[in-house]
Amino acid sequence: MKWKPQLSAAENAHAALPRLAEKYFEAGRKAAAHQRSPKELHRFRVKTKHFRYTLEMFRPLYGRRLDPQIRRLQEIQRILGKMSDRHTISGLIDGNPDLARKLEHAAQARAKEFRKYWKDTFDAPHQLRAWKAKLG
């Protein structure tokens, strides 16, 4: 995001945030396209968090109309957070392969849940266009 000092905060936000949304959707499509490693999905979770925090920072300029988008980002964070937690715990369990296997299976189920949520809800037809229109 290049900030232009001659423009107001609102003008800068309306110019930069649609492109940021575009980049986020590109990253999300890659993350949801195939089975990704827990590390790759964790990186996307961090991108989600950064994008959400950016939108929250500009909330005073947009008002409550960003709330639905922020809630969708929180849902992605929630799903990927549960996946990450289960994967991390499974790596810490020593001497209990059954429990480790169950946790890893649960982590894989959360990754599948993410892919479904991304494709069916977050990135459903025309969603990117709607995000860009709302932010622009």
Protein backbone atom coordinates (compact mmCIF):
# COMPACT_ATOMS: atom_id res chain seq x y z
CA MET A 1 0.00 0.00 0.00
CA LYS A 2 1.56 3.26 -1.08
CA TRP A 3 0.30 6.16 0.95
CA LYS A 4 0.01 9.47 -0.90
CA PRO A 5 0.43 12.33 1.58
CA GLN A 6 -1.46 14.78 -0.65
CA LEU A 7 -4.62 12.62 -0.31
CA SER A 8 -6.84 12.25 2.73
CA ALA A 9 -6.87 9.05 4.77
CA ALA A 10 -10.21 8.12 3.20
CA GLU A 11 -8.92 8.72 -0.34
CA ASN A 12 -5.82 6.64 0.38
CA ALA A 13 -7.88 3.83 1.89
CA HIS A 14 -10.34 3.79 -1.02
CA ALA A 15 -7.42 3.62 -3.45
CA ALA A 16 -5.29 1.03 -1.66
CA LEU A 17 -7.64 -1.36 0.14
CA PRO A 18 -9.32 -2.83 -2.96
CA ARG A 19 -5.89 -3.89 -4.25
CA LEU A 20 -5.04 -5.31 -0.84
CA ALA A 21 -8.26 -7.34 -0.97
CA GLU A 22 -7.29 -8.58 -4.42
CA LYS A 23 -3.91 -9.77 -3.16
CA TYR A 24 -5.55 -11.43 -0.16
CA PHE A 25 -8.00 -13.32 -2.39
CA GLU A 26 -5.10 -14.45 -4.60
CA ALA A 27 -3.29 -15.83 -1.54
CA GLY A 28 -6.46 -17.47 -0.26
CA ARG A 29 -7.15 -19.13 -3.58
CA LYS A 30 -3.67 -20.61 -3.53
CA ALA A 31 -4.11 -21.76 0.07
CA ALA A 32 -7.46 -23.38 -0.69
CA ALA A 33 -6.59 -24.80 -4.10
CA HIS A 34 -4.91 -28.01 -2.97
CA GLN A 35 -3.93 -29.70 0.21
CA ARG A 36 -1.38 -27.39 1.75
CA SER A 37 0.99 -28.11 4.58
CA PRO A 38 0.06 -26.91 8.07
CA LYS A 39 2.96 -24.43 7.79
CA GLU A 40 1.56 -22.97 4.55
CA LEU A 41 -1.91 -22.70 6.04
CA HIS A 42 -0.47 -21.07 9.14
CA ARG A 43 1.20 -18.45 6.96
CA PHE A 44 -2.16 -17.78 5.32
CA ARG A 45 -3.73 -17.46 8.76
CA VAL A 46 -1.16 -14.77 9.57
CA LYS A 47 -2.02 -12.98 6.30
CA THR A 48 -5.66 -13.16 7.30
CA LYS A 49 -4.87 -11.62 10.65
CA HIS A 50 -2.88 -8.79 9.05
CA PHE A 51 -5.64 -8.09 6.53
CA ARG A 52 -8.27 -8.08 9.26
CA TYR A 53 -6.23 -5.72 11.44
CA THR A 54 -5.74 -3.40 8.48
CA LEU A 55 -9.49 -3.27 7.87
CA GLU A 56 -10.12 -2.69 11.57
CA MET A 57 -7.67 0.20 11.52
CA PHE A 58 -9.71 1.86 8.77
CA ARG A 59 -13.09 1.02 10.31
CA PRO A 60 -13.65 4.64 11.44
CA LEU A 61 -13.58 5.68 7.76
CA TYR A 62 -16.01 2.99 6.63
CA GLY A 63 -18.25 2.59 9.65
CA ARG A 64 -19.99 -0.64 10.49
CA ARG A 65 -20.37 -1.67 6.86
CA LEU A 66 -17.06 -3.56 7.12
CA ASP A 67 -18.32 -5.72 9.99
CA PRO A 68 -19.56 -8.60 7.79
CA GLN A 69 -16.20 -8.81 6.03
CA ILE A 70 -14.32 -8.68 9.32
CA ARG A 71 -16.49 -11.50 10.70
CA ARG A 72 -15.67 -13.62 7.65
CA LEU A 73 -11.98 -13.06 8.22
CA GLN A 74 -12.41 -14.00 11.88
CA GLU A 75 -14.06 -17.25 10.79
CA ILE A 76 -11.06 -18.13 8.61
CA GLN A 77 -8.77 -17.34 11.55
CA ARG A 78 -10.90 -19.53 13.82
CA ILE A 79 -10.86 -22.53 11.47
CA LEU A 80 -7.16 -22.29 10.70
CA GLY A 81 -6.35 -21.63 14.37
CA LYS A 82 -8.03 -24.89 15.39
CA MET A 83 -6.16 -26.72 12.65
CA SER A 84 -2.86 -25.24 13.77
CA ASP A 85 -3.50 -26.03 17.43
CA ARG A 86 -4.26 -29.67 16.71
CA HIS A 87 -1.28 -30.08 14.42
CA THR A 88 1.06 -28.48 16.95
CA ILE A 89 -0.21 -30.61 19.84
CA SER A 90 0.09 -33.79 17.76
CA GLY A 91 3.77 -32.98 17.26
CA LEU A 92 4.30 -32.60 21.00
CA ILE A 93 2.78 -35.92 21.99
CA ASP A 94 5.47 -38.46 22.53
CA GLY A 95 4.68 -42.06 23.24
CA ASN A 96 0.98 -41.90 22.36
CA PRO A 97 0.72 -42.53 18.62
CA ASP A 98 -3.06 -43.12 18.77
CA LEU A 99 -3.70 -39.69 20.24
CA ALA A 100 -1.22 -38.06 17.87
CA ARG A 101 -2.97 -39.73 14.92
CA LYS A 102 -6.40 -38.53 16.15
CA LEU A 103 -5.13 -34.97 16.55
CA GLU A 104 -3.53 -35.01 13.12
CA HIS A 105 -6.78 -36.34 11.63
CA ALA A 106 -8.67 -33.51 13.38
CA ALA A 107 -6.17 -31.00 11.97
CA GLN A 108 -6.76 -32.38 8.48
CA ALA A 109 -10.52 -32.08 9.02
CA ARG A 110 -10.10 -28.38 9.91
CA ALA A 111 -8.00 -27.86 6.76
CA LYS A 112 -10.81 -29.43 4.75
CA GLU A 113 -13.31 -27.19 6.57
CA PHE A 114 -11.21 -24.16 5.56
CA ARG A 115 -11.16 -25.18 1.90
CA LYS A 116 -14.93 -25.66 1.91
CA TYR A 117 -15.59 -22.34 3.69
CA TRP A 118 -13.25 -20.52 1.34
CA LYS A 119 -14.77 -21.93 -1.84
CA ASP A 120 -18.44 -21.99 -0.82
CA THR A 121 -18.68 -18.80 1.24
CA PHE A 122 -15.70 -16.48 1.32
CA ASP A 123 -14.77 -16.75 -2.36
CA ALA A 124 -18.21 -17.61 -3.71
CA PRO A 125 -19.03 -16.03 -7.09
CA HIS A 126 -18.68 -12.24 -7.17
CA GLN A 127 -17.33 -11.97 -3.62
CA LEU A 128 -14.07 -10.31 -4.64
CA ARG A 129 -15.98 -7.80 -6.73
CA ALA A 130 -18.23 -7.05 -3.74
CA TRP A 131 -15.22 -6.59 -1.45
CA LYS A 132 -13.54 -4.23 -3.89
CA ALA A 133 -16.74 -2.22 -4.37
CA LYS A 134 -17.24 -1.88 -0.63
CA LEU A 135 -13.62 -0.85 -0.02
CA GLY A 136 -13.30 1.41 -3.07
